[in-house]
Protein backbone atom coordinates (compact mmCIF):
# COMPACT_ATOMS: atom_id res chain seq x y z
CA MET A 1 101.21 151.69 41.64
CA SER A 2 104.90 152.26 42.12
CA ALA A 3 106.77 155.00 43.89
CA ARG A 4 110.38 155.92 44.17
CA PHE A 5 111.54 157.21 47.52
CA ILE A 6 114.94 158.81 47.87
CA PHE A 7 116.61 159.05 51.28
CA VAL A 8 118.56 162.31 51.26
CA ASP A 9 120.80 164.40 53.46
CA LEU A 10 118.61 167.51 53.51
CA ILE A 11 121.50 169.93 53.95
CA ILE A 12 123.62 168.63 51.05
CA GLU A 13 120.75 167.79 48.71
CA SER A 14 119.06 171.17 49.07
CA LYS A 15 122.20 172.70 47.58
CA ALA A 16 122.74 170.02 44.94
CA MET A 17 119.20 169.69 43.57
CA GLU A 18 115.87 171.42 43.68
CA ILE A 19 113.94 169.51 46.33
CA ASN A 20 110.88 171.72 45.75
CA GLY A 21 110.36 169.92 42.42
CA PHE A 22 109.21 166.83 44.27
CA LYS A 23 105.56 166.19 45.06
CA PHE A 24 106.27 164.75 48.48
CA LYS A 25 108.94 165.16 51.13
CA THR A 26 109.08 164.18 54.76
CA ARG A 27 111.72 164.47 57.43
CA ILE A 28 113.08 161.25 58.88
CA GLN A 29 114.11 161.29 62.52
CA LEU A 30 117.17 159.10 62.98
CA ARG A 31 117.28 157.21 66.24
CA PHE A 32 120.40 156.73 68.33
CA LYS A 33 119.82 152.97 68.25
CA ASP A 34 120.15 153.05 64.45
CA THR A 35 123.87 153.81 64.70
CA ASP A 36 127.09 152.07 65.64
CA GLN A 37 129.81 153.50 67.92
CA MET A 38 131.18 155.60 65.03
CA GLY A 39 127.80 157.26 64.43
CA HIS A 40 127.24 155.37 61.14
CA VAL A 41 123.62 154.43 60.42
CA ASN A 42 123.23 150.71 59.69
CA ASN A 43 122.06 150.17 56.10
CA ALA A 44 119.21 147.87 57.19
CA ASN A 45 117.51 150.84 58.86
CA HIS A 46 116.89 152.55 55.53
CA LEU A 47 114.08 150.09 54.78
CA THR A 48 112.35 151.25 57.98
CA TYR A 49 112.83 154.88 56.92
CA PHE A 50 111.22 154.10 53.55
CA GLU A 51 108.31 152.44 55.36
CA LEU A 52 107.79 155.59 57.45
CA ALA A 53 107.89 157.64 54.26
CA ARG A 54 105.34 155.37 52.53
CA VAL A 55 102.86 155.83 55.37
CA ALA A 56 103.36 159.61 55.32
CA TYR A 57 103.04 159.58 51.50
CA PHE A 58 99.64 157.85 51.62
CA ASN A 59 98.45 160.19 54.35
CA GLU A 60 99.55 163.38 52.57
CA VAL A 61 99.49 162.72 48.81
CA VAL A 62 96.82 160.12 48.12
CA ALA A 63 93.62 162.13 48.20
CA GLU A 64 91.17 159.31 48.78
CA LYS A 65 90.68 157.45 52.03
CA ILE A 66 92.03 153.93 51.78
CA GLU A 67 90.27 151.10 53.60
CA TRP A 68 93.40 149.15 54.54
CA ASN A 69 91.41 146.22 55.91
CA LYS A 70 89.70 145.76 52.53
CA GLU A 71 92.32 146.85 50.01
CA GLY A 72 95.67 146.46 51.76
CA ILE A 73 99.02 147.02 50.14
CA ILE A 74 101.71 144.64 49.01
CA LEU A 75 105.33 145.68 48.78
CA ALA A 76 106.51 143.02 46.34
CA ARG A 77 110.01 144.32 45.75
CA ILE A 78 112.36 146.91 47.15
CA GLU A 79 115.80 147.83 45.90
CA VAL A 80 118.28 150.19 47.54
CA ASP A 81 121.32 151.74 45.90
CA TYR A 82 123.61 153.09 48.61
CA LYS A 83 125.54 156.12 47.33
CA ALA A 84 127.20 157.26 50.58
CA PRO A 85 127.14 156.36 54.28
CA SER A 86 124.62 157.97 56.60
CA TYR A 87 125.69 159.44 59.92
CA TRP A 88 123.89 160.31 63.15
CA LYS A 89 124.28 164.11 63.12
CA MET A 90 122.95 164.70 59.60
CA LYS A 91 119.38 165.84 58.86
CA TYR A 92 117.58 163.36 56.62
CA GLY A 93 114.36 163.09 54.74
CA CYS A 94 112.65 161.06 52.03
CA ILE A 95 111.45 162.65 48.82
CA SER A 96 109.31 161.24 46.04
CA ALA A 97 108.12 162.50 42.68
């Protein structure tokens, strides 16, 4: 199973593309500790945001109950293409098809 999660600025992306076409979307709460003195979100934090989105995805989209102790999940590879910097005051979310 593979999934593609996209970390988006909800204000800009809602104007640029039809977010309603995605099967799953969840808001990501940025934390003050994720930023530097200029309000820029450190790129390493995006992997944590994707992890939060994966958990929400399984809870909301996958219809069957998963026995994590028996089945588990392996994230074998993750790749991030950074298109623009993220800043503290923006509203973010993750979407997936």
